[in-house]
Amino acid sequence: MQDPNTARPDGDEQASEPEADTMMANLKADVSKWNKSRSADEGISQVKIGAPPPRKSTPRAAKPADPAPKAAHAAAAPGSKPPFRMSYDGVSAASYSAYLHARGAR
């Protein structure tokens, strides 16, 4: 039984069989050509993979040492703006953190 979606709308099933046979013959010919060309190229597509060649390492210059480490709380240069600090309504940061600790903050 033939699939109704592949049947011709005019219902001529006998006319479609020779076309199907022709298409199948063309398909078989294409497959055989593809197989022959693939077997001919088979020697080219095989590449032996070995270890990569060793790399020559080039020495790098060492980083120069810092002449003197900068102090964490170095005095600000005159004329520069002070860093941003949180305002705790006139209370110092240390007093505010003590207050939070007393309240049970982690």
Foldseek 3Di string as FASTA:
>chain_A
DDDPVPADPVRPPVVVVVVVVVVVVVVVVVVVVVVVVCVVCVVVPDDDDDDDDDDDDDDDDDDDDDPDDDDPCDDDDPPDDDDDDDDPPPDDPVVVVVVCVVVPDD
